[in-house]
Amino acid sequence: MVLGTDAAAKTESGERVLFYPVIIESSSLELGASGVSLLSEKYPGTFADELWVPQMNLVSLPDEISDEQAGCLSTASLTAYRMLTTQANLLPGQTV
């Protein structure tokens, strides 16, 4: 298995994108549920020579975000989101 969950790249059409590393194959959105996995768990990760992900896993990147900045956003944001919503019980509309 090829490791890696974070990456920014250009599509074949030249669009700059960030890879969202959660691959969803079912209606369940819980990580660990059947049909939900991270890149490098069931599918080759971002250290692979080529990466194929569903279109819904590509997030457009604005020019002001560098490739280096974008390359660490996906896993860091997922970790922070989970911490704030499941551990701290932050609700929509609340601020920290």
N, C-alpha and C. Protein backbone atom coordinates (compact mmCIF):
# COMPACT_ATOMS: atom_id res chain seq x y z
N MET A 1 0.86 -1.18 0.00
CA MET A 1 0.00 0.00 0.00
C MET A 1 0.89 1.24 0.00
N VAL A 2 0.51 2.21 -0.77
CA VAL A 2 1.24 3.48 -0.84
C VAL A 2 0.63 4.43 0.17
N LEU A 3 1.47 5.02 1.01
CA LEU A 3 1.00 5.93 2.06
C LEU A 3 0.71 7.33 1.52
N GLY A 4 0.19 8.19 2.39
CA GLY A 4 -0.04 9.59 2.07
C GLY A 4 -1.51 9.95 2.02
N THR A 5 -1.86 11.05 2.71
CA THR A 5 -3.25 11.52 2.69
C THR A 5 -3.37 12.97 2.23
N ASP A 6 -2.31 13.74 2.29
CA ASP A 6 -2.37 15.16 1.95
C ASP A 6 -1.66 15.42 0.63
N ALA A 7 -2.31 16.20 -0.23
CA ALA A 7 -1.66 16.58 -1.49
C ALA A 7 -2.44 17.69 -2.17
N ALA A 8 -1.70 18.46 -2.92
CA ALA A 8 -2.27 19.44 -3.84
C ALA A 8 -1.65 19.13 -5.19
N ALA A 9 -2.41 19.35 -6.24
CA ALA A 9 -1.90 19.01 -7.57
C ALA A 9 -2.68 19.79 -8.61
N LYS A 10 -2.34 19.53 -9.87
CA LYS A 10 -3.10 20.07 -10.99
C LYS A 10 -3.79 18.91 -11.69
N THR A 11 -5.04 19.14 -12.05
CA THR A 11 -5.78 18.14 -12.81
C THR A 11 -5.26 18.12 -14.24
N GLU A 12 -5.74 17.18 -15.03
CA GLU A 12 -5.34 17.11 -16.43
C GLU A 12 -5.70 18.39 -17.18
N SER A 13 -6.75 19.08 -16.72
CA SER A 13 -7.16 20.33 -17.37
C SER A 13 -6.39 21.54 -16.85
N GLY A 14 -5.51 21.35 -15.84
CA GLY A 14 -4.70 22.44 -15.33
C GLY A 14 -5.23 23.13 -14.09
N GLU A 15 -6.37 22.68 -13.57
CA GLU A 15 -6.94 23.29 -12.37
C GLU A 15 -6.17 22.85 -11.13
N ARG A 16 -5.83 23.81 -10.25
CA ARG A 16 -5.17 23.48 -8.98
C ARG A 16 -6.21 22.96 -8.00
N VAL A 17 -5.91 21.81 -7.39
CA VAL A 17 -6.86 21.19 -6.48
C VAL A 17 -6.16 20.63 -5.26
N LEU A 18 -6.95 20.46 -4.21
CA LEU A 18 -6.56 19.77 -2.99
C LEU A 18 -7.32 18.45 -3.00
N PHE A 19 -6.66 17.38 -2.57
CA PHE A 19 -7.33 16.08 -2.47
C PHE A 19 -7.97 15.95 -1.10
N TYR A 20 -9.27 15.75 -1.06
CA TYR A 20 -9.96 15.44 0.19
C TYR A 20 -9.74 13.95 0.41
N PRO A 21 -9.09 13.53 1.52
CA PRO A 21 -8.61 12.16 1.65
C PRO A 21 -9.64 11.11 2.08
N VAL A 22 -10.88 11.51 2.38
CA VAL A 22 -11.89 10.54 2.79
C VAL A 22 -12.63 10.04 1.56
N ILE A 23 -12.51 8.75 1.29
CA ILE A 23 -13.18 8.14 0.15
C ILE A 23 -14.48 7.52 0.66
N ILE A 24 -15.60 7.97 0.11
CA ILE A 24 -16.92 7.50 0.55
C ILE A 24 -17.53 6.64 -0.55
N GLU A 25 -17.82 5.39 -0.19
CA GLU A 25 -18.44 4.46 -1.14
C GLU A 25 -19.85 4.08 -0.73
N SER A 26 -20.34 4.65 0.36
CA SER A 26 -21.66 4.29 0.86
C SER A 26 -22.36 5.54 1.37
N SER A 27 -23.54 5.38 1.89
CA SER A 27 -24.29 6.52 2.40
C SER A 27 -23.86 6.91 3.81
N SER A 28 -23.06 6.06 4.49
CA SER A 28 -22.59 6.38 5.83
C SER A 28 -21.43 7.35 5.74
N LEU A 29 -21.38 8.34 6.62
CA LEU A 29 -20.29 9.31 6.60
C LEU A 29 -19.35 9.14 7.77
N GLU A 30 -19.49 8.08 8.54
CA GLU A 30 -18.63 7.85 9.69
C GLU A 30 -17.36 7.11 9.28
N LEU A 31 -16.20 7.68 9.58
CA LEU A 31 -14.94 7.03 9.29
C LEU A 31 -14.90 5.70 10.02
N GLY A 32 -14.50 4.65 9.34
CA GLY A 32 -14.49 3.32 9.93
C GLY A 32 -15.73 2.52 9.57
N ALA A 33 -16.76 3.20 9.08
CA ALA A 33 -17.96 2.49 8.64
C ALA A 33 -17.64 1.78 7.33
N SER A 34 -18.38 0.76 7.04
CA SER A 34 -18.20 0.04 5.79
C SER A 34 -18.39 1.00 4.62
N GLY A 35 -17.43 1.04 3.71
CA GLY A 35 -17.54 1.93 2.56
C GLY A 35 -16.97 3.31 2.77
N VAL A 36 -16.31 3.58 3.91
CA VAL A 36 -15.69 4.87 4.15
C VAL A 36 -14.25 4.61 4.60
N SER A 37 -13.30 5.21 3.91
CA SER A 37 -11.90 5.01 4.28
C SER A 37 -11.08 6.24 3.92
N LEU A 38 -9.86 6.28 4.40
CA LEU A 38 -8.92 7.34 4.04
C LEU A 38 -8.00 6.83 2.94
N LEU A 39 -7.49 7.74 2.13
CA LEU A 39 -6.44 7.35 1.20
C LEU A 39 -5.33 6.68 2.00
N SER A 40 -4.76 5.67 1.46
CA SER A 40 -3.68 4.85 2.02
C SER A 40 -4.18 3.77 2.97
N GLU A 41 -5.49 3.68 3.18
CA GLU A 41 -6.05 2.56 3.94
C GLU A 41 -6.48 1.45 2.98
N LYS A 42 -7.36 1.80 2.06
CA LYS A 42 -7.89 0.83 1.09
C LYS A 42 -7.40 1.15 -0.32
N TYR A 43 -7.12 2.42 -0.57
CA TYR A 43 -6.68 2.89 -1.88
C TYR A 43 -5.29 3.50 -1.76
N PRO A 44 -4.48 3.44 -2.82
CA PRO A 44 -3.15 4.05 -2.77
C PRO A 44 -3.24 5.52 -2.36
N GLY A 45 -2.28 5.96 -1.55
CA GLY A 45 -2.27 7.32 -1.04
C GLY A 45 -1.55 8.29 -1.94
N THR A 46 -1.33 9.47 -1.42
CA THR A 46 -0.81 10.59 -2.21
C THR A 46 0.68 10.50 -2.53
N PHE A 47 1.39 9.54 -1.94
CA PHE A 47 2.79 9.35 -2.31
C PHE A 47 2.93 8.51 -3.59
N ALA A 48 1.82 8.07 -4.16
CA ALA A 48 1.83 7.28 -5.39
C ALA A 48 2.25 8.17 -6.57
N ASP A 49 2.77 7.55 -7.61
CA ASP A 49 3.16 8.30 -8.81
C ASP A 49 1.96 8.94 -9.48
N GLU A 50 0.82 8.25 -9.46
CA GLU A 50 -0.44 8.77 -9.99
C GLU A 50 -1.51 8.55 -8.95
N LEU A 51 -2.47 9.46 -8.87
CA LEU A 51 -3.54 9.33 -7.90
C LEU A 51 -4.87 9.52 -8.60
N TRP A 52 -5.76 8.58 -8.39
CA TRP A 52 -7.10 8.65 -8.95
C TRP A 52 -8.08 8.68 -7.80
N VAL A 53 -8.87 9.74 -7.73
CA VAL A 53 -9.90 9.86 -6.68
C VAL A 53 -11.21 10.27 -7.35
N PRO A 54 -12.34 10.04 -6.67
CA PRO A 54 -13.61 10.51 -7.23
C PRO A 54 -13.59 12.03 -7.41
N GLN A 55 -14.31 12.52 -8.40
CA GLN A 55 -14.38 13.96 -8.67
C GLN A 55 -14.79 14.74 -7.42
N MET A 56 -15.68 14.16 -6.60
CA MET A 56 -16.14 14.87 -5.40
C MET A 56 -15.03 15.06 -4.37
N ASN A 57 -13.89 14.40 -4.53
CA ASN A 57 -12.77 14.53 -3.60
C ASN A 57 -11.78 15.62 -4.03
N LEU A 58 -12.06 16.33 -5.09
CA LEU A 58 -11.19 17.41 -5.54
C LEU A 58 -11.78 18.75 -5.11
N VAL A 59 -10.97 19.53 -4.40
CA VAL A 59 -11.39 20.84 -3.91
C VAL A 59 -10.55 21.89 -4.63
N SER A 60 -11.21 22.81 -5.31
CA SER A 60 -10.50 23.88 -6.04
C SER A 60 -9.70 24.74 -5.08
N LEU A 61 -8.50 25.13 -5.51
CA LEU A 61 -7.63 25.97 -4.68
C LEU A 61 -7.51 27.37 -5.26
N PRO A 62 -7.71 28.40 -4.44
CA PRO A 62 -7.47 29.77 -4.92
C PRO A 62 -5.97 30.02 -5.08
N ASP A 63 -5.62 30.97 -5.91
CA ASP A 63 -4.22 31.27 -6.19
C ASP A 63 -3.44 31.70 -4.96
N GLU A 64 -4.11 32.33 -3.98
CA GLU A 64 -3.38 32.84 -2.80
C GLU A 64 -2.93 31.74 -1.84
N ILE A 65 -3.37 30.52 -2.05
CA ILE A 65 -2.91 29.39 -1.22
C ILE A 65 -1.82 28.65 -1.99
N SER A 66 -0.64 28.57 -1.40
CA SER A 66 0.49 27.90 -2.05
C SER A 66 0.29 26.39 -2.03
N ASP A 67 1.02 25.69 -2.88
CA ASP A 67 0.96 24.23 -2.88
C ASP A 67 1.41 23.68 -1.53
N GLU A 68 2.42 24.31 -0.92
CA GLU A 68 2.91 23.86 0.38
C GLU A 68 1.84 24.02 1.46
N GLN A 69 1.14 25.14 1.45
CA GLN A 69 0.06 25.35 2.41
C GLN A 69 -1.08 24.37 2.16
N ALA A 70 -1.45 24.22 0.92
CA ALA A 70 -2.58 23.34 0.56
C ALA A 70 -2.28 21.89 0.88
N GLY A 71 -1.02 21.50 0.75
CA GLY A 71 -0.64 20.11 0.95
C GLY A 71 -0.83 19.61 2.37
N CYS A 72 -1.05 20.49 3.31
CA CYS A 72 -1.25 20.03 4.69
C CYS A 72 -2.63 20.39 5.23
N LEU A 73 -3.51 20.88 4.39
CA LEU A 73 -4.82 21.32 4.86
C LEU A 73 -5.80 20.19 5.16
N SER A 74 -5.83 19.16 4.33
CA SER A 74 -6.92 18.19 4.44
C SER A 74 -6.91 17.41 5.75
N THR A 75 -5.82 16.78 6.10
CA THR A 75 -5.80 16.00 7.34
C THR A 75 -5.84 16.91 8.56
N ALA A 76 -5.16 18.04 8.51
CA ALA A 76 -5.20 18.97 9.65
C ALA A 76 -6.62 19.49 9.88
N SER A 77 -7.32 19.81 8.80
CA SER A 77 -8.68 20.32 8.97
C SER A 77 -9.63 19.24 9.45
N LEU A 78 -9.46 18.01 8.97
CA LEU A 78 -10.30 16.90 9.46
C LEU A 78 -10.07 16.65 10.94
N THR A 79 -8.82 16.68 11.36
CA THR A 79 -8.49 16.46 12.77
C THR A 79 -9.08 17.57 13.63
N ALA A 80 -8.92 18.81 13.21
CA ALA A 80 -9.47 19.93 13.98
C ALA A 80 -11.00 19.89 14.02
N TYR A 81 -11.62 19.59 12.89
CA TYR A 81 -13.08 19.51 12.84
C TYR A 81 -13.60 18.44 13.79
N ARG A 82 -12.99 17.27 13.75
CA ARG A 82 -13.43 16.18 14.63
C ARG A 82 -13.23 16.56 16.10
N MET A 83 -12.10 17.17 16.41
CA MET A 83 -11.83 17.57 17.79
C MET A 83 -12.88 18.57 18.28
N LEU A 84 -13.18 19.56 17.45
CA LEU A 84 -14.13 20.59 17.87
C LEU A 84 -15.58 20.10 17.94
N THR A 85 -15.96 19.20 17.03
CA THR A 85 -17.36 18.77 17.00
C THR A 85 -17.65 17.55 17.87
N THR A 86 -16.71 16.62 17.98
CA THR A 86 -17.00 15.42 18.77
C THR A 86 -16.40 15.45 20.16
N GLN A 87 -15.29 16.12 20.32
CA GLN A 87 -14.66 16.19 21.63
C GLN A 87 -15.11 17.41 22.42
N ALA A 88 -15.14 18.56 21.76
CA ALA A 88 -15.54 19.81 22.44
C ALA A 88 -17.04 20.09 22.30
N ASN A 89 -17.73 19.30 21.49
CA ASN A 89 -19.17 19.45 21.27
C ASN A 89 -19.57 20.84 20.77
N LEU A 90 -18.71 21.44 19.95
CA LEU A 90 -19.02 22.74 19.36
C LEU A 90 -20.17 22.56 18.37
N LEU A 91 -21.14 23.45 18.42
CA LEU A 91 -22.31 23.37 17.55
C LEU A 91 -22.27 24.46 16.50
N PRO A 92 -22.98 24.27 15.36
CA PRO A 92 -23.00 25.30 14.32
C PRO A 92 -23.43 26.64 14.90
N GLY A 93 -22.70 27.70 14.54
CA GLY A 93 -23.00 29.03 15.03
C GLY A 93 -22.16 29.43 16.23
N GLN A 94 -21.58 28.47 16.94
CA GLN A 94 -20.72 28.79 18.07
C GLN A 94 -19.32 29.12 17.57
N THR A 95 -18.58 29.86 18.39
CA THR A 95 -17.20 30.21 18.03
C THR A 95 -16.26 29.81 19.16
N VAL A 96 -15.00 29.72 18.83
CA VAL A 96 -13.97 29.37 19.80
C VAL A 96 -13.04 30.54 19.97
